[in-house]
Protein backbone atom coordinates (compact mmCIF):
# COMPACT_ATOMS: atom_id res chain seq x y z
CA UNK A 1 103.07 98.83 109.98
CA UNK A 2 100.55 98.86 107.00
CA UNK A 3 100.32 101.47 104.65
CA UNK A 4 96.80 102.03 103.64
CA UNK A 5 97.67 104.38 100.54
CA UNK A 6 99.60 101.61 99.07
CA UNK A 7 97.42 98.79 99.64
CA UNK A 8 97.49 97.92 102.70
CA UNK A 9 101.40 97.03 102.18
CA UNK A 10 103.20 95.92 105.35
CA UNK A 11 106.73 96.90 106.57
CA UNK A 12 108.76 97.98 109.32
CA UNK A 13 109.39 101.33 110.52
CA UNK A 14 112.93 102.38 109.49
CA UNK A 15 113.10 106.11 110.09
CA UNK A 16 111.72 109.47 109.11
CA UNK A 17 112.28 111.23 105.60
CA UNK A 18 111.28 114.49 105.67
CA UNK A 19 107.64 114.39 106.56
CA UNK A 20 107.33 111.12 105.47
CA UNK A 21 108.07 107.56 107.27
CA UNK A 22 110.37 105.44 105.70
CA UNK A 23 109.33 101.75 105.80
CA UNK A 24 110.89 98.52 104.73
CA UNK A 25 109.17 95.59 103.40
CA UNK A 26 108.74 92.40 106.18
CA UNK A 27 111.41 90.13 105.35
CA UNK A 28 113.81 92.59 103.39
CA UNK A 29 113.55 94.61 100.14
CA UNK A 30 113.66 97.96 98.87
CA UNK A 31 111.98 101.09 101.31
CA UNK A 32 109.36 102.99 100.36
CA UNK A 33 108.02 106.86 102.00
CA UNK A 34 104.67 106.68 103.64
CA UNK A 35 102.55 109.47 104.48
CA UNK A 36 102.05 109.06 108.44
CA UNK A 37 98.31 109.87 107.93
CA UNK A 38 97.77 106.66 106.14
CA UNK A 39 100.04 104.28 108.13
CA UNK A 40 98.68 102.43 111.07
CA UNK A 41 99.81 99.78 113.83
CA UNK A 42 99.03 96.06 112.71
CA UNK A 43 95.86 94.38 114.18
CA UNK A 44 96.97 91.33 116.35
CA UNK A 45 95.87 88.65 113.39
CA UNK A 46 98.43 90.74 111.00
CA UNK A 47 101.06 90.71 113.47
CA UNK A 48 100.88 86.92 114.02
CA UNK A 49 100.78 86.08 110.36
CA UNK A 50 104.02 88.16 109.75
CA UNK A 51 106.10 87.06 112.32
CA UNK A 52 105.15 83.30 111.35
CA UNK A 53 106.07 84.79 107.73
CA UNK A 54 109.50 85.83 109.15
CA UNK A 55 109.86 82.56 111.08
CA UNK A 56 109.17 80.64 108.09
CA UNK A 57 111.41 82.79 105.62
CA UNK A 58 114.25 82.83 108.13
CA UNK A 59 114.20 78.77 108.31
CA UNK A 60 114.03 78.39 104.97
CA UNK A 61 117.47 80.27 104.35
CA UNK A 62 118.72 78.35 107.32
CA UNK A 63 118.72 81.07 109.67
CA UNK A 64 117.36 81.31 113.48
């Protein structure tokens, strides 16, 4: 998901927090609350870039 109110910050949907969505940075980190009106799905290019970044991160950490 991309949070348009927070500079297009990318995050994974983690759940609901009252009227907001809880998002967590891709690859880990502290969750933040996002207004659903400002959140959108990733474009195919953003998704591919994000998936590659996750693979690289896992590889550098010795993961799968």
